[in-house]
């Protein structure tokens, strides 16, 4: 008996997410795509960091999910 181990290989469609300089009170939005290049499903989660307890630096339309093999 033999086997090959499979694990998720997920890639983001950009190297850096840059909002440049935003004026206080203004907002901007960016869209990113995660792609799963492996042959197994890939679970993902984004956790927000709230460093001062007062406001959040970003919000997400979706913060977790499962990407099927070869999908995005």
PDB file of N, CA and C in Angstrom:
ATOM      1  N   UNK A   1       0.842  -1.154   0.000  1.00  0.00           N
ATOM      2  CA  UNK A   1       0.000   0.000   0.000  1.00  0.00           C
ATOM      3  C   UNK A   1       0.897   1.231   0.000  1.00  0.00           C
ATOM      4  N   UNK A   2       0.517   2.250  -0.754  1.00  0.00           N
ATOM      5  CA  UNK A   2       1.238   3.514  -0.750  1.00  0.00           C
ATOM      6  C   UNK A   2       0.228   4.651  -0.872  1.00  0.00           C
ATOM      7  N   UNK A   3       0.671   5.829  -0.569  1.00  0.00           N
ATOM      8  CA  UNK A   3      -0.231   6.974  -0.645  1.00  0.00           C
ATOM      9  C   UNK A   3       0.546   8.264  -0.813  1.00  0.00           C
ATOM     10  N   UNK A   4      -0.175   9.278  -1.190  1.00  0.00           N
ATOM     11  CA  UNK A   4       0.403  10.604  -1.341  1.00  0.00           C
ATOM     12  C   UNK A   4      -0.391  11.548  -0.448  1.00  0.00           C
ATOM     13  N   UNK A   5       0.293  12.269   0.424  1.00  0.00           N
ATOM     14  CA  UNK A   5      -0.380  13.229   1.293  1.00  0.00           C
ATOM     15  C   UNK A   5      -0.814  14.456   0.510  1.00  0.00           C
ATOM     16  N   UNK A   6      -2.005  14.908   0.748  1.00  0.00           N
ATOM     17  CA  UNK A   6      -2.526  16.113   0.091  1.00  0.00           C
ATOM     18  C   UNK A   6      -2.834  17.151   1.148  1.00  0.00           C
ATOM     19  N   UNK A   7      -2.546  18.396   0.865  1.00  0.00           N
ATOM     20  CA  UNK A   7      -2.840  19.491   1.777  1.00  0.00           C
ATOM     21  C   UNK A   7      -3.248  20.702   0.944  1.00  0.00           C
ATOM     22  N   UNK A   8      -4.030  21.609   1.524  1.00  0.00           N
ATOM     23  CA  UNK A   8      -4.459  22.794   0.773  1.00  0.00           C
ATOM     24  C   UNK A   8      -3.291  23.717   0.429  1.00  0.00           C
ATOM     25  N   UNK A   9      -3.332  24.293  -0.745  1.00  0.00           N
ATOM     26  CA  UNK A   9      -2.397  25.325  -1.170  1.00  0.00           C
ATOM     27  C   UNK A   9      -3.228  26.492  -1.656  1.00  0.00           C
ATOM     28  N   UNK A  10      -3.326  27.529  -0.822  1.00  0.00           N
ATOM     29  CA  UNK A  10      -4.185  28.677  -1.113  1.00  0.00           C
ATOM     30  C   UNK A  10      -3.319  29.895  -1.387  1.00  0.00           C
ATOM     31  N   UNK A  11      -3.731  30.685  -2.365  1.00  0.00           N
ATOM     32  CA  UNK A  11      -2.986  31.869  -2.750  1.00  0.00           C
ATOM     33  C   UNK A  11      -3.937  33.055  -2.868  1.00  0.00           C
ATOM     34  N   UNK A  12      -3.470  34.230  -2.487  1.00  0.00           N
ATOM     35  CA  UNK A  12      -4.224  35.470  -2.621  1.00  0.00           C
ATOM     36  C   UNK A  12      -3.867  36.098  -3.956  1.00  0.00           C
ATOM     37  N   UNK A  13      -4.835  36.748  -4.613  1.00  0.00           N
ATOM     38  CA  UNK A  13      -4.586  37.276  -5.956  1.00  0.00           C
ATOM     39  C   UNK A  13      -3.753  38.559  -5.973  1.00  0.00           C
ATOM     40  N   UNK A  14      -3.287  39.023  -4.824  1.00  0.00           N
ATOM     41  CA  UNK A  14      -2.392  40.174  -4.786  1.00  0.00           C
ATOM     42  C   UNK A  14      -1.386  40.000  -3.664  1.00  0.00           C
ATOM     43  N   UNK A  15      -0.221  40.582  -3.843  1.00  0.00           N
ATOM     44  CA  UNK A  15       0.845  40.442  -2.852  1.00  0.00           C
ATOM     45  C   UNK A  15       0.630  41.352  -1.652  1.00  0.00           C
ATOM     46  N   UNK A  16       0.055  42.536  -1.901  1.00  0.00           N
ATOM     47  CA  UNK A  16      -0.120  43.514  -0.839  1.00  0.00           C
ATOM     48  C   UNK A  16      -1.456  44.227  -1.022  1.00  0.00           C
ATOM     49  N   UNK A  17      -2.151  44.466   0.055  1.00  0.00           N
ATOM     50  CA  UNK A  17      -3.411  45.200   0.046  1.00  0.00           C
ATOM     51  C   UNK A  17      -3.129  46.588   0.608  1.00  0.00           C
ATOM     52  N   UNK A  18      -3.070  47.589  -0.256  1.00  0.00           N
ATOM     53  CA  UNK A  18      -2.643  48.931   0.145  1.00  0.00           C
ATOM     54  C   UNK A  18      -3.790  49.923  -0.023  1.00  0.00           C
ATOM     55  N   UNK A  19      -4.178  50.548   1.061  1.00  0.00           N
ATOM     56  CA  UNK A  19      -5.217  51.573   1.018  1.00  0.00           C
ATOM     57  C   UNK A  19      -4.612  52.972   0.988  1.00  0.00           C
ATOM     58  N   UNK A  20      -3.297  53.041   0.848  1.00  0.00           N
ATOM     59  CA  UNK A  20      -2.565  54.300   0.816  1.00  0.00           C
ATOM     60  C   UNK A  20      -2.967  55.167   2.002  1.00  0.00           C
ATOM     61  N   UNK A  21      -3.208  56.452   1.789  1.00  0.00           N
ATOM     62  CA  UNK A  21      -3.589  57.335   2.891  1.00  0.00           C
ATOM     63  C   UNK A  21      -5.073  57.663   2.788  1.00  0.00           C
ATOM     64  N   UNK A  22      -5.781  57.424   3.882  1.00  0.00           N
ATOM     65  CA  UNK A  22      -7.198  57.760   3.942  1.00  0.00           C
ATOM     66  C   UNK A  22      -7.402  58.852   4.982  1.00  0.00           C
ATOM     67  N   UNK A  23      -8.226  59.830   4.651  1.00  0.00           N
ATOM     68  CA  UNK A  23      -8.579  60.872   5.602  1.00  0.00           C
ATOM     69  C   UNK A  23      -9.448  60.270   6.695  1.00  0.00           C
ATOM     70  N   UNK A  24      -9.292  60.753   7.915  1.00  0.00           N
ATOM     71  CA  UNK A  24     -10.093  60.267   9.038  1.00  0.00           C
ATOM     72  C   UNK A  24     -11.570  60.394   8.691  1.00  0.00           C
ATOM     73  N   UNK A  25     -12.313  59.329   8.926  1.00  0.00           N
ATOM     74  CA  UNK A  25     -13.747  59.316   8.640  1.00  0.00           C
ATOM     75  C   UNK A  25     -14.095  58.825   7.244  1.00  0.00           C
ATOM     76  N   UNK A  26     -13.120  58.691   6.374  1.00  0.00           N
ATOM     77  CA  UNK A  26     -13.350  58.206   5.007  1.00  0.00           C
ATOM     78  C   UNK A  26     -13.122  56.703   4.959  1.00  0.00           C
ATOM     79  N   UNK A  27     -13.647  56.083   3.936  1.00  0.00           N
ATOM     80  CA  UNK A  27     -13.447  54.642   3.776  1.00  0.00           C
ATOM     81  C   UNK A  27     -13.149  54.319   2.317  1.00  0.00           C
ATOM     82  N   UNK A  28     -12.640  53.151   2.113  1.00  0.00           N
ATOM     83  CA  UNK A  28     -12.317  52.651   0.782  1.00  0.00           C
ATOM     84  C   UNK A  28     -12.556  51.153   0.816  1.00  0.00           C
ATOM     85  N   UNK A  29     -12.765  50.557  -0.319  1.00  0.00           N
ATOM     86  CA  UNK A  29     -12.964  49.107  -0.327  1.00  0.00           C
ATOM     87  C   UNK A  29     -12.090  48.468  -1.401  1.00  0.00           C
ATOM     88  N   UNK A  30     -11.706  47.246  -1.131  1.00  0.00           N
ATOM     89  CA  UNK A  30     -10.888  46.449  -2.054  1.00  0.00           C
ATOM     90  C   UNK A  30     -11.477  45.045  -2.100  1.00  0.00           C
ATOM     91  N   UNK A  31     -11.339  44.398  -3.222  1.00  0.00           N
ATOM     92  CA  UNK A  31     -11.789  43.019  -3.373  1.00  0.00           C
ATOM     93  C   UNK A  31     -10.565  42.135  -3.580  1.00  0.00           C
ATOM     94  N   UNK A  32     -10.516  41.051  -2.833  1.00  0.00           N
ATOM     95  CA  UNK A  32      -9.429  40.089  -2.994  1.00  0.00           C
ATOM     96  C   UNK A  32     -10.027  38.724  -3.319  1.00  0.00           C
ATOM     97  N   UNK A  33      -9.233  37.884  -3.935  1.00  0.00           N
ATOM     98  CA  UNK A  33      -9.684  36.539  -4.289  1.00  0.00           C
ATOM     99  C   UNK A  33      -8.693  35.519  -3.750  1.00  0.00           C
ATOM    100  N   UNK A  34      -9.208  34.537  -3.058  1.00  0.00           N
ATOM    101  CA  UNK A  34      -8.411  33.401  -2.609  1.00  0.00           C
ATOM    102  C   UNK A  34      -8.616  32.271  -3.607  1.00  0.00           C
ATOM    103  N   UNK A  35      -7.546  31.626  -3.999  1.00  0.00           N
ATOM    104  CA  UNK A  35      -7.640  30.496  -4.932  1.00  0.00           C
ATOM    105  C   UNK A  35      -6.969  29.282  -4.314  1.00  0.00           C
ATOM    106  N   UNK A  36      -7.638  28.153  -4.420  1.00  0.00           N
ATOM    107  CA  UNK A  36      -7.140  26.890  -3.898  1.00  0.00           C
ATOM    108  C   UNK A  36      -6.570  26.069  -5.057  1.00  0.00           C
ATOM    109  N   UNK A  37      -5.255  25.939  -5.095  1.00  0.00           N
ATOM    110  CA  UNK A  37      -4.602  25.213  -6.185  1.00  0.00           C
ATOM    111  C   UNK A  37      -4.443  23.724  -5.894  1.00  0.00           C
ATOM    112  N   UNK A  38      -4.928  23.271  -4.771  1.00  0.00           N
ATOM    113  CA  UNK A  38      -4.739  21.868  -4.394  1.00  0.00           C
ATOM    114  C   UNK A  38      -5.913  20.996  -4.828  1.00  0.00           C
ATOM    115  N   UNK A  39      -5.798  19.713  -4.526  1.00  0.00           N
ATOM    116  CA  UNK A  39      -6.840  18.741  -4.873  1.00  0.00           C
ATOM    117  C   UNK A  39      -7.731  18.413  -3.685  1.00  0.00           C
ATOM    118  N   UNK A  40      -7.601  19.188  -2.611  1.00  0.00           N
ATOM    119  CA  UNK A  40      -8.450  19.007  -1.431  1.00  0.00           C
ATOM    120  C   UNK A  40      -9.062  20.353  -1.059  1.00  0.00           C
ATOM    121  N   UNK A  41     -10.203  20.321  -0.374  1.00  0.00           N
ATOM    122  CA  UNK A  41     -10.846  21.567   0.021  1.00  0.00           C
ATOM    123  C   UNK A  41      -9.979  22.312   1.039  1.00  0.00           C
ATOM    124  N   UNK A  42     -10.126  23.632   1.060  1.00  0.00           N
ATOM    125  CA  UNK A  42      -9.325  24.466   1.963  1.00  0.00           C
ATOM    126  C   UNK A  42     -10.250  25.369   2.781  1.00  0.00           C
ATOM    127  N   UNK A  43     -10.172  25.258   4.090  1.00  0.00           N
ATOM    128  CA  UNK A  43     -10.929  26.153   4.963  1.00  0.00           C
ATOM    129  C   UNK A  43     -10.077  27.384   5.234  1.00  0.00           C
ATOM    130  N   UNK A  44     -10.713  28.566   5.313  1.00  0.00           N
ATOM    131  CA  UNK A  44      -9.982  29.785   5.620  1.00  0.00           C
ATOM    132  C   UNK A  44     -10.776  30.631   6.610  1.00  0.00           C
ATOM    133  N   UNK A  45     -10.026  31.413   7.398  1.00  0.00           N
ATOM    134  CA  UNK A  45     -10.615  32.310   8.396  1.00  0.00           C
ATOM    135  C   UNK A  45      -9.754  33.567   8.475  1.00  0.00           C
ATOM    136  N   UNK A  46     -10.396  34.737   8.534  1.00  0.00           N
ATOM    137  CA  UNK A  46      -9.691  35.994   8.773  1.00  0.00           C
ATOM    138  C   UNK A  46     -10.124  36.486  10.141  1.00  0.00           C
ATOM    139  N   UNK A  47      -9.149  36.784  10.984  1.00  0.00           N
ATOM    140  CA  UNK A  47      -9.426  37.270  12.327  1.00  0.00           C
ATOM    141  C   UNK A  47      -9.037  38.740  12.413  1.00  0.00           C
ATOM    142  N   UNK A  48      -9.955  39.571  12.850  1.00  0.00           N
ATOM    143  CA  UNK A  48      -9.662  40.991  12.997  1.00  0.00           C
ATOM    144  C   UNK A  48      -8.900  41.257  14.288  1.00  0.00           C
ATOM    145  N   UNK A  49      -8.003  42.211  14.234  1.00  0.00           N
ATOM    146  CA  UNK A  49      -7.257  42.631  15.416  1.00  0.00           C
ATOM    147  C   UNK A  49      -7.815  43.975  15.854  1.00  0.00           C
ATOM    148  N   UNK A  50      -8.269  44.055  17.076  1.00  0.00           N
ATOM    149  CA  UNK A  50      -8.786  45.293  17.631  1.00  0.00           C
ATOM    150  C   UNK A  50      -7.769  45.760  18.663  1.00  0.00           C
ATOM    151  N   UNK A  51      -6.879  46.651  18.244  1.00  0.00           N
ATOM    152  CA  UNK A  51      -5.752  46.985  19.098  1.00  0.00           C
ATOM    153  C   UNK A  51      -6.021  48.012  20.192  1.00  0.00           C
ATOM    154  N   UNK A  52      -7.063  48.815  20.062  1.00  0.00           N
ATOM    155  CA  UNK A  52      -7.310  49.803  21.113  1.00  0.00           C
ATOM    156  C   UNK A  52      -8.675  49.650  21.776  1.00  0.00           C
ATOM    157  N   UNK A  53      -9.468  48.711  21.301  1.00  0.00           N
ATOM    158  CA  UNK A  53     -10.771  48.471  21.909  1.00  0.00           C
ATOM    159  C   UNK A  53     -11.829  49.485  21.528  1.00  0.00           C
ATOM    160  N   UNK A  54     -11.512  50.449  20.668  1.00  0.00           N
ATOM    161  CA  UNK A  54     -12.464  51.503  20.320  1.00  0.00           C
ATOM    162  C   UNK A  54     -13.070  51.332  18.933  1.00  0.00           C
ATOM    163  N   UNK A  55     -12.249  51.044  17.950  1.00  0.00           N
ATOM    164  CA  UNK A  55     -12.783  50.886  16.599  1.00  0.00           C
ATOM    165  C   UNK A  55     -12.033  49.791  15.859  1.00  0.00           C
ATOM    166  N   UNK A  56     -12.642  49.320  14.814  1.00  0.00           N
ATOM    167  CA  UNK A  56     -12.030  48.269  13.989  1.00  0.00           C
ATOM    168  C   UNK A  56     -11.411  48.909  12.757  1.00  0.00           C
ATOM    169  N   UNK A  57     -10.255  48.450  12.380  1.00  0.00           N
ATOM    170  CA  UNK A  57      -9.571  49.038  11.244  1.00  0.00           C
ATOM    171  C   UNK A  57     -10.143  48.587   9.895  1.00  0.00           C
ATOM    172  N   UNK A  58     -10.839  47.453   9.879  1.00  0.00           N
ATOM    173  CA  UNK A  58     -11.450  47.002   8.630  1.00  0.00           C
ATOM    174  C   UNK A  58     -12.668  46.138   8.935  1.00  0.00           C
ATOM    175  N   UNK A  59     -13.514  45.998   7.925  1.00  0.00           N
ATOM    176  CA  UNK A  59     -14.641  45.080   8.042  1.00  0.00           C
ATOM    177  C   UNK A  59     -14.683  44.211   6.803  1.00  0.00           C
ATOM    178  N   UNK A  60     -15.228  43.035   6.959  1.00  0.00           N
ATOM    179  CA  UNK A  60     -15.248  42.044   5.890  1.00  0.00           C
ATOM    180  C   UNK A  60     -16.672  41.665   5.546  1.00  0.00           C
ATOM    181  N   UNK A  61     -16.915  41.431   4.274  1.00  0.00           N
ATOM    182  CA  UNK A  61     -18.227  40.924   3.891  1.00  0.00           C
ATOM    183  C   UNK A  61     -18.325  39.435   4.204  1.00  0.00           C
ATOM    184  N   UNK A  62     -17.182  38.765   4.246  1.00  0.00           N
ATOM    185  CA  UNK A  62     -17.135  37.353   4.584  1.00  0.00           C
ATOM    186  C   UNK A  62     -15.822  37.088   5.315  1.00  0.00           C
ATOM    187  N   UNK A  63     -15.873  36.435   6.459  1.00  0.00           N
ATOM    188  CA  UNK A  63     -14.648  36.255   7.236  1.00  0.00           C
ATOM    189  C   UNK A  63     -14.183  34.799   7.331  1.00  0.00           C
ATOM    190  N   UNK A  64     -14.924  33.886   6.736  1.00  0.00           N
ATOM    191  CA  UNK A  64     -14.495  32.486   6.722  1.00  0.00           C
ATOM    192  C   UNK A  64     -15.206  31.758   5.596  1.00  0.00           C
ATOM    193  N   UNK A  65     -14.674  30.605   5.261  1.00  0.00           N
ATOM    194  CA  UNK A  65     -15.312  29.819   4.210  1.00  0.00           C
ATOM    195  C   UNK A  65     -14.510  28.577   3.872  1.00  0.00           C
ATOM    196  N   UNK A  66     -14.977  27.899   2.856  1.00  0.00           N
ATOM    197  CA  UNK A  66     -14.315  26.704   2.337  1.00  0.00           C
ATOM    198  C   UNK A  66     -14.170  26.894   0.827  1.00  0.00           C
ATOM    199  N   UNK A  67     -12.963  26.682   0.319  1.00  0.00           N
ATOM    200  CA  UNK A  67     -12.714  26.776  -1.110  1.00  0.00           C
ATOM    201  C   UNK A  67     -12.573  25.363  -1.646  1.00  0.00           C
ATOM    202  N   UNK A  68     -13.369  24.993  -2.638  1.00  0.00           N
ATOM    203  CA  UNK A  68     -13.268  23.632  -3.184  1.00  0.00           C
ATOM    204  C   UNK A  68     -11.948  23.441  -3.939  1.00  0.00           C
ATOM    205  N   UNK A  69     -11.566  22.199  -4.175  1.00  0.00           N
ATOM    206  CA  UNK A  69     -10.339  21.943  -4.943  1.00  0.00           C
ATOM    207  C   UNK A  69     -10.373  22.658  -6.297  1.00  0.00           C
ATOM    208  N   UNK A  70      -9.310  23.397  -6.595  1.00  0.00           N
ATOM    209  CA  UNK A  70      -9.229  24.120  -7.867  1.00  0.00           C
ATOM    210  C   UNK A  70     -10.124  25.343  -7.955  1.00  0.00           C
ATOM    211  N   UNK A  71     -10.784  25.697  -6.864  1.00  0.00           N
ATOM    212  CA  UNK A  71     -11.738  26.794  -6.892  1.00  0.00           C
ATOM    213  C   UNK A  71     -11.220  28.077  -6.293  1.00  0.00           C
ATOM    214  N   UNK A  72     -12.108  29.083  -6.320  1.00  0.00           N
ATOM    215  CA  UNK A  72     -11.780  30.366  -5.712  1.00  0.00           C
ATOM    216  C   UNK A  72     -13.015  30.961  -5.066  1.00  0.00           C
TER     217      UNK A  72
END
